[in-house]
Structure formats: structure tokens, C-alpha cells
N, C-alpha and C. Protein backbone atom coordinates (compact mmCIF):
# COMPACT_ATOMS: atom_id res chain seq x y z
N UNK A 1 7.11 0.88 47.39
CA UNK A 1 6.76 -0.44 47.90
C UNK A 1 7.93 -1.05 48.66
N UNK A 2 9.12 -0.88 48.12
CA UNK A 2 10.31 -1.41 48.80
C UNK A 2 10.50 -0.74 50.15
N UNK A 3 10.26 0.56 50.19
CA UNK A 3 10.40 1.30 51.44
C UNK A 3 9.38 0.81 52.47
N UNK A 4 8.15 0.60 52.04
CA UNK A 4 7.12 0.10 52.95
C UNK A 4 7.47 -1.28 53.47
N UNK A 5 8.00 -2.09 52.57
CA UNK A 5 8.39 -3.45 52.97
C UNK A 5 9.49 -3.39 54.02
N UNK A 6 10.46 -2.53 53.83
CA UNK A 6 11.56 -2.39 54.78
C UNK A 6 11.06 -1.86 56.12
N UNK A 7 10.15 -0.91 56.09
CA UNK A 7 9.58 -0.37 57.33
C UNK A 7 8.85 -1.47 58.08
N UNK A 8 8.08 -2.28 57.36
CA UNK A 8 7.37 -3.39 58.00
C UNK A 8 8.34 -4.39 58.61
N UNK A 9 9.40 -4.68 57.89
CA UNK A 9 10.41 -5.59 58.40
C UNK A 9 11.03 -5.05 59.68
N UNK A 10 11.37 -3.77 59.68
CA UNK A 10 11.96 -3.16 60.87
C UNK A 10 10.99 -3.16 62.04
N UNK A 11 9.73 -2.90 61.78
CA UNK A 11 8.72 -2.93 62.84
C UNK A 11 8.60 -4.33 63.43
N UNK A 12 8.64 -5.32 62.58
CA UNK A 12 8.56 -6.69 63.05
C UNK A 12 9.79 -7.06 63.87
N UNK A 13 10.95 -6.63 63.44
CA UNK A 13 12.18 -6.93 64.17
C UNK A 13 12.14 -6.25 65.54
N UNK A 14 11.68 -5.02 65.60
CA UNK A 14 11.57 -4.33 66.89
C UNK A 14 10.57 -5.03 67.80
N UNK A 15 9.45 -5.46 67.24
CA UNK A 15 8.45 -6.20 68.02
C UNK A 15 9.03 -7.52 68.50
N UNK A 16 9.78 -8.19 67.63
CA UNK A 16 10.39 -9.46 68.02
C UNK A 16 11.36 -9.26 69.18
N UNK A 17 12.11 -8.18 69.17
CA UNK A 17 13.07 -7.94 70.25
C UNK A 17 12.35 -7.79 71.58
N UNK A 18 11.19 -7.14 71.59
CA UNK A 18 10.39 -7.01 72.82
C UNK A 18 9.90 -8.39 73.27
N UNK A 19 9.39 -9.14 72.31
CA UNK A 19 8.87 -10.47 72.61
C UNK A 19 10.01 -11.39 73.06
N UNK A 20 11.14 -11.28 72.41
CA UNK A 20 12.28 -12.14 72.75
C UNK A 20 12.74 -11.87 74.18
N UNK A 21 12.72 -10.62 74.61
CA UNK A 21 13.10 -10.31 75.98
C UNK A 21 12.15 -11.01 76.96
N UNK A 22 10.86 -10.97 76.66
CA UNK A 22 9.87 -11.66 77.49
C UNK A 22 10.13 -13.16 77.48
N UNK A 23 10.40 -13.71 76.31
CA UNK A 23 10.65 -15.14 76.19
C UNK A 23 11.93 -15.56 76.89
N UNK A 24 12.94 -14.73 76.86
CA UNK A 24 14.18 -15.07 77.56
C UNK A 24 13.91 -15.18 79.06
N UNK A 25 13.09 -14.28 79.59
CA UNK A 25 12.74 -14.34 81.01
C UNK A 25 11.93 -15.60 81.31
N UNK A 26 10.92 -15.87 80.48
CA UNK A 26 10.08 -17.06 80.67
C UNK A 26 10.93 -18.32 80.51
N UNK A 27 11.75 -18.36 79.49
CA UNK A 27 12.61 -19.52 79.21
C UNK A 27 13.58 -19.76 80.36
N UNK A 28 14.17 -18.71 80.86
CA UNK A 28 15.10 -18.84 81.97
C UNK A 28 14.39 -19.39 83.21
N UNK A 29 13.19 -18.90 83.49
CA UNK A 29 12.44 -19.40 84.64
C UNK A 29 12.09 -20.88 84.45
N UNK A 30 11.66 -21.23 83.24
CA UNK A 30 11.31 -22.63 82.97
C UNK A 30 12.52 -23.53 83.23
N UNK A 31 13.68 -23.16 82.71
CA UNK A 31 14.87 -24.00 82.84
C UNK A 31 15.43 -24.01 84.25
N UNK A 32 15.45 -22.86 84.92
CA UNK A 32 16.11 -22.77 86.23
C UNK A 32 15.21 -23.09 87.42
N UNK A 33 13.90 -22.93 87.26
CA UNK A 33 12.98 -23.15 88.36
C UNK A 33 11.92 -24.19 88.00
N UNK A 34 11.22 -23.94 86.92
CA UNK A 34 10.06 -24.75 86.56
C UNK A 34 10.34 -26.23 86.40
N UNK A 35 11.31 -26.56 85.59
CA UNK A 35 11.61 -27.97 85.34
C UNK A 35 12.09 -28.67 86.61
N UNK A 36 12.88 -27.98 87.42
CA UNK A 36 13.37 -28.57 88.67
C UNK A 36 12.21 -28.88 89.61
N UNK A 37 11.28 -27.95 89.71
CA UNK A 37 10.13 -28.16 90.60
C UNK A 37 9.24 -29.29 90.09
N UNK A 38 9.08 -29.40 88.78
CA UNK A 38 8.29 -30.51 88.23
C UNK A 38 8.97 -31.85 88.54
N UNK A 39 10.29 -31.90 88.44
CA UNK A 39 11.01 -33.13 88.74
C UNK A 39 10.85 -33.53 90.20
N UNK A 40 10.79 -32.52 91.09
CA UNK A 40 10.60 -32.80 92.51
C UNK A 40 9.25 -33.45 92.78
N UNK A 41 8.30 -33.22 91.92
CA UNK A 41 6.94 -33.72 92.11
C UNK A 41 6.77 -35.13 91.55
N UNK A 42 7.81 -35.68 90.98
CA UNK A 42 7.72 -37.02 90.40
C UNK A 42 7.47 -38.06 91.47
N UNK A 43 8.22 -38.00 92.57
CA UNK A 43 8.07 -38.97 93.65
C UNK A 43 7.21 -38.38 94.75
N UNK A 44 5.95 -38.78 94.77
CA UNK A 44 5.04 -38.28 95.78
C UNK A 44 5.12 -39.17 97.01
N UNK A 45 4.93 -38.58 98.18
CA UNK A 45 5.07 -39.30 99.44
C UNK A 45 4.01 -40.38 99.62
N UNK A 46 4.30 -41.28 100.58
CA UNK A 46 3.45 -42.45 100.79
C UNK A 46 2.32 -42.25 101.78
N UNK A 47 2.29 -41.15 102.49
CA UNK A 47 1.21 -40.93 103.44
C UNK A 47 0.29 -39.83 102.92
N UNK A 48 -0.97 -39.92 103.30
CA UNK A 48 -1.94 -38.93 102.86
C UNK A 48 -1.56 -37.55 103.37
N UNK A 49 -1.12 -37.47 104.60
CA UNK A 49 -0.74 -36.18 105.18
C UNK A 49 0.39 -35.52 104.39
N UNK A 50 1.43 -36.30 104.08
CA UNK A 50 2.56 -35.77 103.31
C UNK A 50 2.14 -35.44 101.88
N UNK A 51 1.26 -36.24 101.33
CA UNK A 51 0.78 -36.00 99.98
C UNK A 51 -0.03 -34.71 99.91
N UNK A 52 -0.86 -34.46 100.92
CA UNK A 52 -1.64 -33.22 100.96
C UNK A 52 -0.73 -32.01 101.09
N UNK A 53 0.35 -32.15 101.85
CA UNK A 53 1.34 -31.06 101.96
C UNK A 53 2.01 -30.82 100.61
N UNK A 54 2.37 -31.90 99.93
CA UNK A 54 2.99 -31.78 98.60
C UNK A 54 2.01 -31.13 97.62
N UNK A 55 0.73 -31.49 97.72
CA UNK A 55 -0.28 -30.89 96.85
C UNK A 55 -0.39 -29.40 97.10
N UNK A 56 -0.37 -29.00 98.35
CA UNK A 56 -0.44 -27.57 98.70
C UNK A 56 0.76 -26.82 98.10
N UNK A 57 1.94 -27.39 98.27
CA UNK A 57 3.14 -26.76 97.71
C UNK A 57 3.09 -26.70 96.19
N UNK A 58 2.57 -27.77 95.59
CA UNK A 58 2.46 -27.79 94.13
C UNK A 58 1.48 -26.72 93.65
N UNK A 59 0.37 -26.53 94.37
CA UNK A 59 -0.61 -25.52 93.97
C UNK A 59 0.01 -24.13 93.98
N UNK A 60 0.85 -23.85 94.97
CA UNK A 60 1.54 -22.55 95.02
C UNK A 60 2.47 -22.39 93.82
N UNK A 61 3.22 -23.44 93.53
CA UNK A 61 4.11 -23.44 92.37
C UNK A 61 3.29 -23.31 91.08
N UNK A 62 2.19 -24.03 91.01
CA UNK A 62 1.33 -24.05 89.83
C UNK A 62 0.82 -22.65 89.48
N UNK A 63 0.48 -21.87 90.49
CA UNK A 63 0.02 -20.49 90.23
C UNK A 63 1.10 -19.67 89.53
N UNK A 64 2.31 -19.77 90.02
CA UNK A 64 3.42 -19.02 89.42
C UNK A 64 3.73 -19.57 88.02
N UNK A 65 3.81 -20.89 87.91
CA UNK A 65 4.13 -21.52 86.62
C UNK A 65 3.07 -21.19 85.57
N UNK A 66 1.81 -21.21 85.98
CA UNK A 66 0.72 -20.89 85.03
C UNK A 66 0.82 -19.45 84.56
N UNK A 67 1.26 -18.57 85.43
CA UNK A 67 1.44 -17.17 85.04
C UNK A 67 2.55 -17.04 83.99
N UNK A 68 3.64 -17.77 84.18
CA UNK A 68 4.71 -17.75 83.18
C UNK A 68 4.23 -18.33 81.85
N UNK A 69 3.46 -19.40 81.92
CA UNK A 69 2.91 -19.99 80.68
C UNK A 69 2.01 -18.97 79.98
N UNK A 70 1.19 -18.31 80.75
CA UNK A 70 0.28 -17.31 80.18
C UNK A 70 1.06 -16.16 79.52
N UNK A 71 2.09 -15.70 80.20
CA UNK A 71 2.90 -14.61 79.62
C UNK A 71 3.55 -15.04 78.31
N UNK A 72 4.06 -16.26 78.29
CA UNK A 72 4.68 -16.77 77.07
C UNK A 72 3.67 -16.91 75.94
N UNK A 73 2.47 -17.41 76.26
CA UNK A 73 1.43 -17.58 75.24
C UNK A 73 0.95 -16.23 74.71
N UNK A 74 0.86 -15.24 75.57
CA UNK A 74 0.46 -13.90 75.11
C UNK A 74 1.51 -13.31 74.18
N UNK A 75 2.76 -13.52 74.50
CA UNK A 75 3.83 -13.05 73.62
C UNK A 75 3.77 -13.73 72.26
N UNK A 76 3.46 -15.02 72.27
CA UNK A 76 3.33 -15.75 71.00
C UNK A 76 2.19 -15.18 70.16
N UNK A 77 1.10 -14.84 70.81
CA UNK A 77 -0.04 -14.27 70.08
C UNK A 77 0.35 -12.98 69.40
N UNK A 78 1.19 -12.19 70.08
CA UNK A 78 1.63 -10.92 69.48
C UNK A 78 2.42 -11.16 68.20
N UNK A 79 3.04 -12.32 68.11
CA UNK A 79 3.87 -12.61 66.94
C UNK A 79 3.11 -13.35 65.84
N UNK A 80 1.84 -13.63 66.04
CA UNK A 80 1.04 -14.29 65.01
C UNK A 80 0.99 -13.50 63.71
N UNK A 81 1.17 -12.19 63.82
CA UNK A 81 1.14 -11.36 62.61
C UNK A 81 2.26 -11.72 61.63
N UNK A 82 3.28 -12.39 62.11
CA UNK A 82 4.39 -12.77 61.24
C UNK A 82 3.95 -13.74 60.16
N UNK A 83 2.89 -14.47 60.41
CA UNK A 83 2.41 -15.43 59.43
C UNK A 83 1.97 -14.75 58.14
N UNK A 84 1.60 -13.49 58.24
CA UNK A 84 1.14 -12.74 57.07
C UNK A 84 2.28 -12.27 56.17
N UNK A 85 3.48 -12.36 56.68
CA UNK A 85 4.62 -11.86 55.92
C UNK A 85 5.47 -13.02 55.43
N UNK A 86 5.97 -12.89 54.24
CA UNK A 86 6.80 -13.96 53.69
C UNK A 86 8.20 -13.43 53.38
N UNK A 87 8.67 -12.54 54.22
CA UNK A 87 9.99 -11.96 54.00
C UNK A 87 11.07 -12.98 54.35
N UNK A 88 12.04 -13.05 53.53
CA UNK A 88 13.16 -13.94 53.77
C UNK A 88 13.94 -13.45 54.99
N UNK A 89 13.98 -12.15 55.19
CA UNK A 89 14.77 -11.55 56.26
C UNK A 89 14.30 -11.97 57.66
N UNK A 90 13.08 -12.40 57.81
CA UNK A 90 12.58 -12.76 59.13
C UNK A 90 12.64 -14.26 59.41
N UNK A 91 13.23 -15.01 58.51
CA UNK A 91 13.31 -16.46 58.68
C UNK A 91 14.03 -16.85 59.97
N UNK A 92 15.15 -16.22 60.26
CA UNK A 92 15.91 -16.56 61.48
C UNK A 92 15.10 -16.24 62.73
N UNK A 93 14.27 -15.20 62.67
CA UNK A 93 13.43 -14.86 63.81
C UNK A 93 12.33 -15.91 64.00
N UNK A 94 11.81 -16.41 62.91
CA UNK A 94 10.78 -17.45 62.99
C UNK A 94 11.34 -18.72 63.62
N UNK A 95 12.58 -19.04 63.31
CA UNK A 95 13.22 -20.23 63.89
C UNK A 95 13.35 -20.06 65.40
N UNK A 96 13.80 -18.90 65.86
CA UNK A 96 13.90 -18.63 67.29
C UNK A 96 12.52 -18.70 67.94
N UNK A 97 11.56 -18.10 67.28
CA UNK A 97 10.20 -18.08 67.81
C UNK A 97 9.65 -19.50 67.94
N UNK A 98 9.92 -20.34 66.96
CA UNK A 98 9.47 -21.73 67.01
C UNK A 98 10.12 -22.47 68.17
N UNK A 99 11.39 -22.20 68.41
CA UNK A 99 12.08 -22.85 69.53
C UNK A 99 11.46 -22.44 70.86
N UNK A 100 11.15 -21.16 71.01
CA UNK A 100 10.50 -20.69 72.23
C UNK A 100 9.11 -21.32 72.38
N UNK A 101 8.39 -21.38 71.28
CA UNK A 101 7.05 -21.96 71.30
C UNK A 101 7.10 -23.44 71.70
N UNK A 102 8.05 -24.18 71.15
CA UNK A 102 8.19 -25.60 71.48
C UNK A 102 8.51 -25.79 72.96
N UNK A 103 9.43 -24.99 73.48
CA UNK A 103 9.81 -25.09 74.88
C UNK A 103 8.61 -24.76 75.78
N UNK A 104 7.90 -23.71 75.46
CA UNK A 104 6.75 -23.30 76.25
C UNK A 104 5.65 -24.36 76.22
N UNK A 105 5.37 -24.88 75.04
CA UNK A 105 4.33 -25.90 74.89
C UNK A 105 4.69 -27.16 75.68
N UNK A 106 5.94 -27.59 75.61
CA UNK A 106 6.37 -28.77 76.33
C UNK A 106 6.22 -28.57 77.84
N UNK A 107 6.66 -27.42 78.34
CA UNK A 107 6.57 -27.16 79.78
C UNK A 107 5.12 -27.08 80.23
N UNK A 108 4.29 -26.37 79.49
CA UNK A 108 2.88 -26.23 79.87
C UNK A 108 2.17 -27.59 79.87
N UNK A 109 2.52 -28.44 78.92
CA UNK A 109 1.95 -29.79 78.88
C UNK A 109 2.40 -30.59 80.10
N UNK A 110 3.68 -30.52 80.44
CA UNK A 110 4.18 -31.22 81.62
C UNK A 110 3.51 -30.70 82.89
N UNK A 111 3.30 -29.40 82.94
CA UNK A 111 2.63 -28.79 84.10
C UNK A 111 1.20 -29.33 84.22
N UNK A 112 0.49 -29.37 83.12
CA UNK A 112 -0.88 -29.91 83.13
C UNK A 112 -0.90 -31.37 83.56
N UNK A 113 0.01 -32.16 83.02
CA UNK A 113 0.07 -33.59 83.37
C UNK A 113 0.39 -33.78 84.85
N UNK A 114 1.31 -32.99 85.37
CA UNK A 114 1.68 -33.09 86.78
C UNK A 114 0.52 -32.66 87.67
N UNK A 115 -0.16 -31.60 87.28
CA UNK A 115 -1.32 -31.14 88.04
C UNK A 115 -2.36 -32.25 88.13
N UNK A 116 -2.62 -32.90 87.01
CA UNK A 116 -3.60 -33.98 86.96
C UNK A 116 -3.13 -35.17 87.81
N UNK A 117 -1.86 -35.52 87.69
CA UNK A 117 -1.32 -36.66 88.44
C UNK A 117 -1.38 -36.42 89.95
N UNK A 118 -1.03 -35.22 90.39
CA UNK A 118 -1.07 -34.91 91.82
C UNK A 118 -2.51 -34.98 92.32
N UNK A 119 -3.43 -34.42 91.57
CA UNK A 119 -4.84 -34.43 91.96
C UNK A 119 -5.37 -35.86 92.05
N UNK A 120 -5.08 -36.67 91.04
CA UNK A 120 -5.55 -38.05 91.03
C UNK A 120 -4.91 -38.88 92.14
N UNK A 121 -3.65 -38.63 92.43
CA UNK A 121 -2.97 -39.36 93.49
C UNK A 121 -3.59 -39.02 94.85
N UNK A 122 -3.88 -37.75 95.07
CA UNK A 122 -4.54 -37.35 96.32
C UNK A 122 -5.90 -38.01 96.43
N UNK A 123 -6.66 -37.99 95.36
CA UNK A 123 -7.99 -38.63 95.39
C UNK A 123 -7.88 -40.12 95.70
N UNK A 124 -6.90 -40.78 95.11
CA UNK A 124 -6.71 -42.20 95.35
C UNK A 124 -6.33 -42.47 96.81
N UNK A 125 -5.42 -41.68 97.34
CA UNK A 125 -5.02 -41.86 98.74
C UNK A 125 -6.18 -41.56 99.69
N UNK A 126 -6.98 -40.55 99.37
CA UNK A 126 -8.16 -40.25 100.20
C UNK A 126 -9.14 -41.43 100.18
N UNK A 127 -9.32 -42.02 99.01
CA UNK A 127 -10.19 -43.19 98.90
C UNK A 127 -9.65 -44.34 99.75
N UNK A 128 -8.37 -44.63 99.61
CA UNK A 128 -7.78 -45.72 100.38
C UNK A 128 -7.85 -45.44 101.88
N UNK A 129 -7.69 -44.18 102.27
CA UNK A 129 -7.79 -43.82 103.67
C UNK A 129 -9.20 -44.08 104.20
N UNK A 130 -10.23 -43.75 103.40
CA UNK A 130 -11.61 -44.03 103.80
C UNK A 130 -11.86 -45.54 103.89
N UNK A 131 -11.33 -46.28 102.95
CA UNK A 131 -11.48 -47.74 102.97
C UNK A 131 -10.81 -48.30 104.22
N UNK A 132 -9.61 -47.82 104.51
CA UNK A 132 -8.88 -48.29 105.69
C UNK A 132 -9.66 -47.98 106.96
N UNK A 133 -10.21 -46.78 107.03
CA UNK A 133 -11.00 -46.41 108.21
C UNK A 133 -12.26 -47.28 108.32
N UNK A 134 -12.86 -47.57 107.18
CA UNK A 134 -14.04 -48.43 107.17
C UNK A 134 -13.72 -49.83 107.65
N UNK A 135 -12.57 -50.36 107.23
CA UNK A 135 -12.15 -51.70 107.65
C UNK A 135 -11.86 -51.71 109.14
N UNK A 136 -11.21 -50.68 109.63
CA UNK A 136 -10.91 -50.60 111.07
C UNK A 136 -12.20 -50.54 111.88
N UNK A 137 -13.17 -49.74 111.42
CA UNK A 137 -14.45 -49.64 112.13
C UNK A 137 -15.20 -50.96 112.10
N UNK A 138 -15.14 -51.65 110.98
CA UNK A 138 -15.80 -52.96 110.85
C UNK A 138 -15.14 -53.97 111.78
N UNK A 139 -13.82 -53.98 111.84
CA UNK A 139 -13.10 -54.89 112.72
C UNK A 139 -13.44 -54.62 114.18
N UNK A 140 -13.54 -53.34 114.56
CA UNK A 140 -13.89 -52.98 115.93
C UNK A 140 -15.31 -53.45 116.24
N UNK A 141 -16.22 -53.32 115.29
CA UNK A 141 -17.59 -53.76 115.49
C UNK A 141 -17.68 -55.27 115.64
N UNK A 142 -16.88 -56.01 114.91
CA UNK A 142 -16.86 -57.46 114.98
C UNK A 142 -16.29 -57.91 116.33
N UNK A 143 -15.27 -57.22 116.83
CA UNK A 143 -14.64 -57.57 118.10
C UNK A 143 -15.58 -57.32 119.28
N UNK A 144 -16.47 -56.35 119.15
CA UNK A 144 -17.36 -55.99 120.26
C UNK A 144 -18.42 -56.97 120.43
């Protein structure tokens, strides 16, 4: 039984090392690229044309960012098997895993919120643009 337990522990540690390599890549991208790009999207431009350009650029970024989120979430799923084990030896790995999970969850939430904010801002500007055009057409009709 002790031998089986040790083999299981070693298998989990080897699996964690594979997952950790994936998480280090995802984590590095989040810190060096993802967060910076999200911060750039905080101040959206004042014209509809510029806003549509920003939305296009965000959509391109969003595709890449969503792929990183997906990779991180898939790696987390692979580690769900750790919940079945209560080995003291894997405690430090669980702490690292929790830190990766927290970072990934925070970034994915920020990405979702930014996606929603950009979409809603574009919709609002499009609405105001239609209202402005309607007012201009009404004023022209009144002048005629």
C-alpha cells in the first residue's frame, strides 16, 4: 500500500510539472501581454469611428486571450484528480495550483467585463450617432 501511495504521489508530481509548465506560459502571457492590453482598453475614444477601430483591435486580442484562458482552464481540469488525494506531500503543489487558478480566474473575468464594456460602448455610440443624424435631418427639414 505504501508503495502504491508513493507511485501515485510521483505520478501526480510528474503531471503537475507538465501542468505547471503550461501555467507558467499562460501566466507569463497574462502578466506581460494580457493585463497591459486590458489596461489600454480602459480609455475608449470619443468618436464612433475610433471606437469601432478599438473594438476591432480588441476582438483580435480577445481571440488570443480567450485561447490562453482556455488552455489554462484545461490544465486546471487535468489537476482536478488531486481532490481525491489527501497526501500531505502534495500540499505545496495545491498552493501553487490555487495561485494559478486565482490569477487565471481574475484575468478571464476582467476579459469578459472588458468585452462587455467595449460592446456596450459601441452600441451606445451607434445609438447616439443615429440620434444625431436624426436631429440633423429634422433640422434640415425644418429649414426647407
